Amino acid sequence: MAEVHPFRAWRYDLSQVGSLSDVTAPPYDVIDAREQKTLYERHPCNVVRLILNREEPGDAGPEARYTRAAEFLRHWKSEGILFREREDALYVYHQEFDWDGRHYVRKGFLGRLRLEEFGTRGGDPPIPPLTKGGRGGGGGVFPHEQTMSGPKADRLALTRACRMNLSPVFGLYPDEKTGVQTPLEEAIRGVTPLEATDDLKVVHRMWPVTDAAAINRVRGLAADKPIFIADGHHRYETAINYRNELRAAGKLGGEQDPANFVLMHFVGMSDPGLAILPTHRLVSGMDGLTADAVREALAAHFELETIGSGSDAALGTWEAMQIEGRQGVFGFGTVADGTWQLARLTDASPMSELARDQSEAWRALGVSLLHRLVLDHLLSRRSSGEMQFRYVHRLEEVTEAMAGRSCDLACLVSPAGIEHVREIASGYEKMPPKSTYFYPKLLSGLVLNPLAAQ
């Protein structure tokens, strides 16, 4: 079961800090050094000092960053910069944004989820995968991306120091009628939200809901839903590792110990505001690669159509891909001659051998076909060295890289859909890296979830 709980969050007191926009931040893993500096300068209490504390002169070692973050947290609580909610609440969270000429409002809510090992019901044996109709799962938490040990070690050290979930995990659940969210939307009708606007002009609105009847309705409706992690895999696994560490040390205080839960943002898979962006590849290490060479290498498995050259051709290629709406259609731009080609898959048979350990659904993904069939197999002999990749989401970033000759091959790839995430993840299979980019990112600093009595 998806065991959703309200909680008493720690939140910024706006009478102390002013604007919520000044103290919130994107997730730590998308903040580079430049943005970290900007956030540090924006406000002395910006949450970046907790989620991504910077190294300072005189630090005795890397652990000093975690200790300093904990010191900031203690100080802000003692000075009333952060306050504790008086009652248990779920927090309605809307994100309003524009992308590719469309206007979106993504609706969800923040709460606590009881931790489960992936693919189990709270430690029970693995649950059966979902059918396409959404039946057969009966709960459980499913990842769809691989994780790395370094980020998990970093987040675990920060969690030990602060004993707080500082940023939410992003969870998706099947809900064709969007009924789980409805009681909360009814509860906030006519209520003024808390509001922040980020540097990408995304408007974030939040409403605490303490109405027990609305909360209980949500909990009941969510109880049989599986949860698919859209973003925050490292944070979720860190929460499990922290709980297990406390349990092994005899410091976990029973089933209701706060460390048995993790802060999560819940969004229904059928929410009309849910947007998955493409992640295009800019490939280096293929010096002098031309359109003719690409055509020759791919001809046995793809139908290729030359679109033209320049940014207009890039746009035309992408528009053609969107019209076809298939995973097996790609755009290839060769920097050496400035040419754009549209490639339609005609024969995927090599994938049964190239990805023999993966499911048919995995093999059919655009990113799987691009990397396993096109780059690793068909174009590998054209490589002038080890291929290197940059990942971008906007077509303008692709055309700028082509014009600046900062890559050798630009690859336009269609995003995986929510149905792909659901089918592959429910079969206990991980998608290839950079398969999905759920936009926009969740803000850190709207609510903090304590992992100990505080």
Protein backbone atom coordinates (compact mmCIF):
# COMPACT_ATOMS: atom_id res chain seq x y z
CA MET A 1 0.00 0.00 0.00
CA ALA A 2 1.05 3.59 -0.58
CA GLU A 3 0.89 4.72 3.03
CA VAL A 4 0.62 8.49 2.82
CA HIS A 5 0.78 10.55 6.02
CA PRO A 6 0.34 14.22 6.84
CA PHE A 7 3.07 15.84 8.91
CA ARG A 8 4.05 18.99 10.77
CA ALA A 9 6.54 20.64 8.44
CA TRP A 10 9.17 23.19 9.24
CA ARG A 11 8.58 26.25 7.03
CA TYR A 12 10.02 29.71 6.47
CA ASP A 13 8.39 32.53 8.44
CA LEU A 14 7.79 35.10 5.70
CA SER A 15 7.65 37.92 8.27
CA GLN A 16 11.32 37.13 8.91
CA VAL A 17 12.63 36.40 5.40
CA GLY A 18 10.34 38.43 3.15
CA SER A 19 9.78 36.71 -0.19
CA LEU A 20 9.60 32.93 -0.52
CA SER A 21 11.25 33.35 -3.93
CA ASP A 22 14.42 34.58 -2.22
CA VAL A 23 14.90 31.62 0.11
CA THR A 24 13.91 28.63 -2.06
CA ALA A 25 16.14 26.86 -4.58
CA PRO A 26 16.07 24.10 -7.21
CA PRO A 27 17.27 20.61 -6.20
CA TYR A 28 20.95 20.39 -5.28
CA ASP A 29 21.88 18.21 -8.26
CA VAL A 30 20.97 20.87 -10.86
CA ILE A 31 22.80 23.73 -9.08
CA ASP A 32 26.20 24.51 -10.60
CA ALA A 33 28.88 26.67 -8.96
CA ARG A 34 27.60 29.82 -10.61
CA GLU A 35 24.02 29.33 -9.45
CA GLN A 36 25.21 28.32 -5.98
CA LYS A 37 26.98 31.70 -5.71
CA THR A 38 23.86 33.52 -6.94
CA LEU A 39 21.66 31.76 -4.39
CA TYR A 40 24.12 32.46 -1.58
CA GLU A 41 24.05 36.15 -2.46
CA ARG A 42 20.28 36.31 -2.92
CA HIS A 43 19.43 35.88 0.77
CA PRO A 44 21.42 34.94 3.91
CA CYS A 45 18.81 32.28 4.69
CA ASN A 46 18.47 30.71 1.25
CA VAL A 47 17.99 26.95 1.55
CA VAL A 48 21.06 26.38 -0.64
CA ARG A 49 23.08 26.73 2.59
CA LEU A 50 21.39 23.51 3.72
CA ILE A 51 21.08 21.44 0.54
CA LEU A 52 24.42 22.43 -1.05
CA ASN A 53 26.62 24.13 1.51
CA ARG A 54 29.83 25.36 -0.10
CA GLU A 55 33.38 24.74 0.99
CA GLU A 56 34.92 27.59 2.97
CA PRO A 57 38.57 28.58 3.57
CA GLY A 58 39.90 26.86 6.67
CA ASP A 59 37.59 23.84 6.45
CA ALA A 60 39.21 20.84 8.15
CA GLY A 61 37.75 18.53 5.51
CA PRO A 62 34.70 17.82 3.36
CA GLU A 63 32.60 16.95 6.43
CA ALA A 64 32.68 20.62 7.45
CA ARG A 65 30.03 21.42 4.83
CA TYR A 66 27.53 19.07 6.48
CA THR A 67 28.28 20.35 9.97
CA ARG A 68 27.85 23.94 8.81
CA ALA A 69 24.52 23.11 7.16
CA ALA A 70 23.30 21.61 10.43
CA GLU A 71 24.45 24.71 12.29
CA PHE A 72 22.50 26.96 9.91
CA LEU A 73 19.43 24.77 10.41
CA ARG A 74 19.68 24.91 14.21
CA HIS A 75 20.20 28.68 14.15
CA TRP A 76 17.26 29.34 11.82
CA LYS A 77 14.97 27.25 14.01
CA SER A 78 16.08 28.89 17.25
CA GLU A 79 15.72 32.39 15.77
CA GLY A 80 12.26 31.72 14.37
CA ILE A 81 13.35 31.99 10.76
CA LEU A 82 11.88 28.52 10.42
CA PHE A 83 8.74 27.59 12.34
CA ARG A 84 6.98 24.27 12.96
CA GLU A 85 3.45 23.75 11.67
CA ARG A 86 1.01 23.51 14.58
CA GLU A 87 -1.10 20.71 13.06
CA ASP A 88 -0.53 17.79 10.76
CA ALA A 89 -1.01 18.86 7.16
CA LEU A 90 -0.75 17.83 3.55
CA TYR A 91 0.56 20.62 1.34
CA VAL A 92 -1.10 21.25 -2.02
CA TYR A 93 1.59 22.27 -4.51
CA HIS A 94 0.90 23.70 -7.99
CA GLN A 95 3.51 24.62 -10.58
CA GLU A 96 2.47 26.94 -13.42
CA PHE A 97 4.73 27.20 -16.47
CA ASP A 98 4.98 27.48 -20.24
CA TRP A 99 6.82 25.09 -22.53
CA ASP A 100 7.00 24.93 -26.31
CA GLY A 101 4.03 27.26 -26.76
CA ARG A 102 1.78 25.49 -24.24
CA HIS A 103 0.64 26.58 -20.81
CA TYR A 104 0.68 24.02 -17.99
CA VAL A 105 -0.41 23.81 -14.35
CA ARG A 106 0.91 20.68 -12.66
CA LYS A 107 -1.02 19.80 -9.51
CA GLY A 108 0.06 17.57 -6.65
CA PHE A 109 0.60 17.53 -2.91
CA LEU A 110 3.46 17.14 -0.44
CA GLY A 111 3.26 14.56 2.31
CA ARG A 112 5.18 11.74 3.94
CA LEU A 113 5.36 8.27 2.43
CA ARG A 114 6.18 5.22 4.53
CA LEU A 115 9.45 3.85 3.18
CA GLU A 116 9.41 0.56 1.29
CA GLU A 117 12.22 -1.32 -0.37
CA PHE A 118 11.72 -1.13 -4.12
CA GLY A 119 9.10 -3.54 -5.43
CA THR A 120 7.85 -4.67 -2.01
CA ARG A 121 5.06 -3.85 0.39
CA GLY A 122 7.01 -2.57 3.36
CA GLY A 123 9.46 -5.46 3.38
CA ASP A 124 7.16 -8.21 2.06
CA PRO A 125 8.21 -10.33 -0.92
CA PRO A 126 8.25 -8.57 -4.32
CA ILE A 127 4.83 -7.68 -5.62
CA PRO A 128 3.63 -8.73 -9.08
CA PRO A 129 4.19 -6.18 -11.86
CA LEU A 130 1.30 -4.02 -12.96
CA THR A 131 -0.70 -4.90 -15.99
CA LYS A 132 -1.27 -2.25 -18.61
CA GLY A 133 -4.66 -1.62 -17.08
CA GLY A 134 -3.04 -0.76 -13.79
CA ARG A 135 -4.15 -3.87 -11.91
CA GLY A 136 -2.17 -6.51 -10.14
CA GLY A 137 0.31 -4.24 -8.35
CA GLY A 138 -1.63 -3.24 -5.25
CA GLY A 139 0.99 -0.76 -4.06
CA GLY A 140 4.74 -0.72 -3.85
CA VAL A 141 7.43 1.79 -4.81
CA PHE A 142 9.20 1.50 -8.15
CA PRO A 143 12.32 3.28 -9.44
CA HIS A 144 12.98 3.88 -13.11
CA GLU A 145 16.58 5.13 -13.04
CA GLN A 146 19.93 3.83 -11.89
CA THR A 147 21.61 5.50 -8.90
CA MET A 148 25.27 6.16 -8.10
CA SER A 149 27.10 5.57 -4.83
CA GLY A 150 28.75 9.01 -4.65
CA PRO A 151 25.57 11.13 -4.50
CA LYS A 152 23.99 8.70 -2.02
CA ALA A 153 27.01 8.93 0.30
CA ASP A 154 26.84 12.73 0.06
CA ARG A 155 23.11 12.86 0.86
CA LEU A 156 23.48 10.36 3.70
CA ALA A 157 26.17 12.47 5.37
CA LEU A 158 23.89 15.52 5.09
CA THR A 159 20.91 13.59 6.48
CA ARG A 160 22.94 12.38 9.47
CA ALA A 161 23.99 15.96 10.23
CA CYS A 162 20.60 17.64 9.77
CA ARG A 163 18.15 14.81 10.57
CA MET A 164 15.74 16.38 8.11
CA ASN A 165 14.40 15.76 4.60
CA LEU A 166 15.44 19.03 2.99
CA SER A 167 14.02 18.32 -0.50
CA PRO A 168 11.10 16.18 -1.67
CA VAL A 169 11.19 13.06 -3.80
CA PHE A 170 8.90 13.32 -6.83
CA GLY A 171 6.44 10.40 -6.96
CA LEU A 172 3.86 9.50 -9.60
CA TYR A 173 0.81 7.29 -9.11
CA PRO A 174 -1.82 5.97 -11.56
CA ASP A 175 -5.09 7.85 -11.19
CA GLU A 176 -7.07 8.05 -14.43
CA LYS A 177 -9.84 10.17 -12.92
CA THR A 178 -7.44 12.38 -10.87
CA GLY A 179 -9.63 11.61 -7.86
CA VAL A 180 -6.90 11.51 -5.20
CA GLN A 181 -6.14 15.21 -5.62
CA THR A 182 -9.80 16.29 -5.62
CA PRO A 183 -10.43 16.54 -1.83
CA LEU A 184 -7.40 18.79 -1.47
CA GLU A 185 -8.42 21.02 -4.37
CA GLU A 186 -11.82 21.41 -2.75
CA ALA A 187 -10.18 22.29 0.58
CA ILE A 188 -8.10 25.16 -0.88
CA ARG A 189 -10.86 26.76 -2.93
CA GLY A 190 -10.82 30.50 -2.23
CA VAL A 191 -7.68 30.28 -0.04
CA THR A 192 -4.70 32.53 -0.84
CA PRO A 193 -1.57 30.46 -1.53
CA LEU A 194 2.03 30.94 -0.57
CA GLU A 195 3.87 31.77 -3.78
CA ALA A 196 7.40 31.75 -5.22
CA THR A 197 8.73 32.36 -8.73
CA ASP A 198 11.99 30.70 -9.73
CA ASP A 199 14.68 31.84 -12.17
CA LEU A 200 12.98 29.96 -15.04
CA LYS A 201 9.79 31.96 -14.40
CA VAL A 202 7.94 28.93 -13.08
CA VAL A 203 5.34 30.00 -10.51
CA HIS A 204 5.13 27.71 -7.46
CA ARG A 205 2.04 27.91 -5.23
CA MET A 206 1.47 26.05 -1.97
CA TRP A 207 -1.45 25.68 0.44
CA PRO A 208 -1.23 23.84 3.81
CA VAL A 209 -4.34 21.69 4.31
CA THR A 210 -5.08 20.62 7.90
CA ASP A 211 -8.69 19.53 7.39
CA ALA A 212 -8.76 15.98 8.79
CA ALA A 213 -11.66 14.83 6.61
CA ALA A 214 -9.93 15.90 3.39
CA ILE A 215 -6.66 14.33 4.51
CA ASN A 216 -8.33 11.02 5.39
CA ARG A 217 -10.10 10.89 2.03
CA VAL A 218 -6.79 11.38 0.23
CA ARG A 219 -5.09 8.71 2.32
CA GLY A 220 -7.87 6.24 1.60
CA LEU A 221 -7.89 6.93 -2.14
CA ALA A 222 -4.08 6.62 -2.35
CA ALA A 223 -3.86 3.42 -0.31
CA ASP A 224 -3.90 0.98 -3.24
CA LYS A 225 -1.74 3.05 -5.58
CA PRO A 226 1.79 2.06 -6.61
CA ILE A 227 4.32 4.89 -6.56
CA PHE A 228 6.77 5.43 -9.40
CA ILE A 229 9.70 7.68 -8.60
CA ALA A 230 9.98 10.38 -11.27
CA ASP A 231 12.87 12.29 -9.70
CA GLY A 232 14.87 11.99 -6.51
CA HIS A 233 15.99 8.35 -6.69
CA HIS A 234 19.15 9.18 -4.72
CA ARG A 235 17.10 10.92 -2.03
CA TYR A 236 14.71 7.99 -1.72
CA GLU A 237 17.49 5.40 -1.45
CA THR A 238 19.30 7.66 1.03
CA ALA A 239 16.16 7.74 3.20
CA ILE A 240 16.11 3.93 3.21
CA ASN A 241 19.82 3.77 4.04
CA TYR A 242 19.38 6.25 6.90
CA ARG A 243 16.44 4.30 8.33
CA ASN A 244 18.34 1.02 8.06
CA GLU A 245 21.36 2.58 9.73
CA LEU A 246 19.24 3.68 12.70
CA ARG A 247 17.58 0.27 12.88
CA ALA A 248 20.94 -1.54 12.92
CA ALA A 249 22.12 0.71 15.74
CA GLY A 250 18.96 0.11 17.78
CA LYS A 251 17.95 3.78 17.43
CA LEU A 252 14.74 3.39 15.44
CA GLY A 253 11.81 4.07 17.73
CA GLY A 254 9.11 1.79 16.38
CA GLU A 255 6.82 1.87 13.35
CA GLN A 256 5.92 5.54 13.74
CA ASP A 257 9.49 6.79 14.03
CA PRO A 258 9.85 9.74 11.63
CA ALA A 259 12.82 8.04 9.96
CA ASN A 260 10.41 5.40 8.60
CA PHE A 261 9.02 8.04 6.23
CA VAL A 262 10.29 10.27 3.43
CA LEU A 263 9.10 13.64 2.15
CA MET A 264 7.42 13.16 -1.24
CA HIS A 265 5.51 15.20 -3.79
CA PHE A 266 2.66 13.13 -5.22
CA VAL A 267 1.32 13.75 -8.74
CA GLY A 268 -1.21 11.65 -10.64
CA MET A 269 0.03 10.19 -13.92
CA SER A 270 -3.06 11.54 -15.68
CA ASP A 271 -2.56 15.11 -14.47
CA PRO A 272 -2.81 17.36 -17.56
CA GLY A 273 0.07 19.49 -16.27
CA LEU A 274 2.56 16.60 -16.34
CA ALA A 275 5.28 17.34 -18.90
CA ILE A 276 8.23 15.13 -19.86
CA LEU A 277 10.83 16.99 -21.91
CA PRO A 278 13.13 15.51 -24.52
CA THR A 279 16.79 15.07 -23.66
CA HIS A 280 18.83 15.56 -26.81
CA ARG A 281 22.41 14.32 -27.15
CA LEU A 282 25.38 16.38 -28.32
CA VAL A 283 28.12 13.91 -29.20
CA SER A 284 31.85 14.67 -29.44
CA GLY A 285 34.64 12.32 -30.48
CA MET A 286 33.40 11.84 -34.06
CA ASP A 287 35.63 14.32 -35.89
CA GLY A 288 34.69 14.97 -39.50
CA LEU A 289 31.51 12.89 -39.41
CA THR A 290 29.34 13.84 -42.41
CA ALA A 291 25.72 13.27 -43.40
CA ASP A 292 26.85 10.84 -46.10
CA ALA A 293 28.75 8.77 -43.52
CA VAL A 294 25.70 8.67 -41.24
CA ARG A 295 23.50 7.64 -44.16
CA GLU A 296 25.88 4.88 -45.18
CA ALA A 297 26.17 3.51 -41.64
CA LEU A 298 22.44 3.53 -40.91
CA ALA A 299 20.99 2.62 -44.31
CA ALA A 300 20.38 -1.07 -43.54
CA HIS A 301 18.19 -0.27 -40.52
CA PHE A 302 16.81 3.24 -41.12
CA GLU A 303 15.08 5.21 -43.83
CA LEU A 304 16.85 8.58 -44.01
CA GLU A 305 15.50 11.86 -45.36
CA THR A 306 17.64 14.97 -45.77
CA ILE A 307 15.83 18.00 -44.33
CA GLY A 308 18.38 20.75 -44.98
CA SER A 309 20.90 22.83 -43.07
CA GLY A 310 20.85 25.48 -40.35
CA SER A 311 18.46 26.19 -37.50
CA ASP A 312 15.37 26.10 -39.74
CA ALA A 313 16.25 22.54 -40.77
CA ALA A 314 16.74 21.58 -37.11
CA LEU A 315 13.27 22.93 -36.35
CA GLY A 316 11.80 21.15 -39.37
CA THR A 317 13.39 17.88 -38.28
CA TRP A 318 12.02 18.21 -34.75
CA GLU A 319 8.54 19.12 -36.00
CA ALA A 320 8.53 16.06 -38.27
CA MET A 321 9.50 13.89 -35.30
CA GLN A 322 6.68 15.34 -33.21
CA ILE A 323 4.15 14.69 -35.97
CA GLU A 324 5.21 11.04 -36.26
CA GLY A 325 5.23 10.66 -32.47
CA ARG A 326 7.24 7.43 -32.44
CA GLN A 327 10.22 6.35 -30.37
CA GLY A 328 12.07 5.04 -33.43
CA VAL A 329 12.36 8.38 -35.24
CA PHE A 330 15.47 10.53 -34.79
CA GLY A 331 17.06 13.72 -36.04
CA PHE A 332 20.79 13.75 -36.80
CA GLY A 333 22.75 16.94 -37.39
CA THR A 334 26.34 16.59 -38.61
CA VAL A 335 28.48 19.58 -37.73
CA ALA A 336 31.12 18.92 -40.40
CA ASP A 337 28.68 19.75 -43.22
CA GLY A 338 25.83 21.39 -41.27
CA THR A 339 23.25 18.91 -42.56
CA TRP A 340 20.11 17.67 -40.80
CA GLN A 341 18.56 14.28 -41.56
CA LEU A 342 15.41 12.57 -40.33
CA ALA A 343 15.93 8.86 -39.60
CA ARG A 344 13.01 6.41 -39.35
CA LEU A 345 13.71 2.96 -37.91
CA THR A 346 12.87 0.14 -40.34
CA ASP A 347 14.68 -2.82 -38.75
CA ALA A 348 15.26 -3.17 -35.02
CA SER A 349 16.25 -6.84 -35.13
CA PRO A 350 19.85 -6.28 -33.90
CA MET A 351 18.45 -5.04 -30.56
CA SER A 352 17.48 -8.58 -29.56
CA GLU A 353 21.19 -9.35 -29.40
CA LEU A 354 22.56 -5.91 -28.46
CA ALA A 355 20.19 -5.71 -25.46
CA ARG A 356 19.43 -9.37 -24.89
CA ASP A 357 19.00 -8.94 -21.12
CA GLN A 358 16.40 -6.19 -21.49
CA SER A 359 12.67 -6.35 -22.10
CA GLU A 360 11.01 -5.69 -25.41
CA ALA A 361 9.61 -2.42 -24.02
CA TRP A 362 13.13 -1.30 -23.00
CA ARG A 363 14.56 -2.14 -26.42
CA ALA A 364 11.85 -0.06 -28.12
CA LEU A 365 12.71 3.16 -26.24
CA GLY A 366 14.20 5.92 -28.35
CA VAL A 367 17.16 6.41 -26.02
CA SER A 368 17.84 2.65 -26.02
CA LEU A 369 17.79 2.50 -29.82
CA LEU A 370 19.95 5.60 -30.09
CA HIS A 371 22.69 4.39 -27.78
CA ARG A 372 22.72 0.63 -28.31
CA LEU A 373 21.91 0.43 -32.03
CA VAL A 374 23.00 3.75 -33.54
CA LEU A 375 25.93 5.02 -31.51
CA ASP A 376 27.43 1.89 -29.95
CA HIS A 377 26.83 -0.39 -32.94
CA LEU A 378 26.31 1.34 -36.28
CA LEU A 379 28.38 4.50 -35.75
CA SER A 380 31.06 3.18 -33.40
CA ARG A 381 33.53 2.64 -36.25
CA ARG A 382 33.15 6.31 -37.24
CA SER A 383 34.32 7.45 -33.82
CA SER A 384 37.68 9.23 -33.67
CA GLY A 385 38.05 8.38 -30.00
CA GLU A 386 35.86 7.84 -26.96
CA MET A 387 32.45 9.41 -27.44
CA GLN A 388 31.52 12.15 -25.00
CA PHE A 389 28.00 13.42 -24.41
CA ARG A 390 26.27 16.61 -23.38
CA TYR A 391 22.56 16.52 -22.61
CA VAL A 392 20.25 19.43 -23.46
CA HIS A 393 16.49 19.91 -23.56
CA ARG A 394 15.86 22.94 -25.74
CA LEU A 395 16.23 22.98 -29.53
CA GLU A 396 17.97 26.35 -29.23
CA GLU A 397 20.74 24.67 -27.22
CA VAL A 398 21.18 22.15 -30.03
CA THR A 399 21.40 24.76 -32.79
CA GLU A 400 23.81 26.88 -30.73
CA ALA A 401 26.10 23.88 -30.28
CA MET A 402 25.94 23.17 -34.01
CA ALA A 403 26.73 26.79 -34.88
CA GLY A 404 29.55 26.94 -32.35
CA ARG A 405 30.94 23.58 -33.50
CA SER A 406 31.12 22.40 -29.89
CA CYS A 407 30.08 18.87 -30.85
CA ASP A 408 30.40 16.59 -33.87
CA LEU A 409 26.92 15.05 -33.99
CA ALA A 410 23.62 16.38 -32.65
CA CYS A 411 20.96 13.76 -31.94
CA LEU A 412 17.32 14.72 -31.49
CA VAL A 413 15.44 12.03 -29.56
CA SER A 414 11.77 11.86 -28.57
CA PRO A 415 11.05 11.80 -24.83
CA ALA A 416 9.86 8.62 -23.19
CA GLY A 417 6.19 8.82 -22.28
CA ILE A 418 4.61 8.23 -18.92
CA GLU A 419 3.32 4.89 -20.23
CA HIS A 420 6.93 3.80 -20.85
CA VAL A 421 7.93 4.75 -17.31
CA ARG A 422 5.04 2.78 -15.89
CA GLU A 423 5.51 -0.35 -18.02
CA ILE A 424 9.27 -0.63 -17.62
CA ALA A 425 9.47 0.34 -13.93
CA SER A 426 6.65 -1.99 -12.90
CA GLY A 427 8.68 -4.85 -14.40
CA TYR A 428 11.56 -4.02 -11.99
CA GLU A 429 13.66 -2.71 -14.89
CA LYS A 430 15.64 0.53 -14.98
CA MET A 431 15.42 2.84 -17.97
CA PRO A 432 18.62 4.02 -19.69
CA PRO A 433 20.25 7.16 -18.24
CA LYS A 434 18.67 10.48 -19.23
CA SER A 435 15.50 8.83 -20.51
CA THR A 436 13.15 11.28 -18.79
CA TYR A 437 13.25 14.88 -17.69
CA PHE A 438 10.18 15.86 -15.71
CA TYR A 439 9.84 19.63 -15.96
CA PRO A 440 9.78 21.73 -13.90
CA LYS A 441 11.93 20.67 -10.96
CA LEU A 442 10.46 20.82 -7.47
CA LEU A 443 11.58 23.68 -5.26
CA SER A 444 13.60 22.94 -2.15
CA GLY A 445 12.70 24.99 0.91
CA LEU A 446 8.92 25.02 0.69
CA VAL A 447 8.64 22.45 3.48
CA LEU A 448 11.20 20.48 5.51
CA ASN A 449 10.35 17.08 7.01
CA PRO A 450 11.91 16.25 10.41
CA LEU A 451 13.38 12.77 10.83
CA ALA A 452 13.58 12.96 14.64
CA ALA A 453 11.51 14.43 17.45
CA GLN A 454 12.15 18.17 17.27
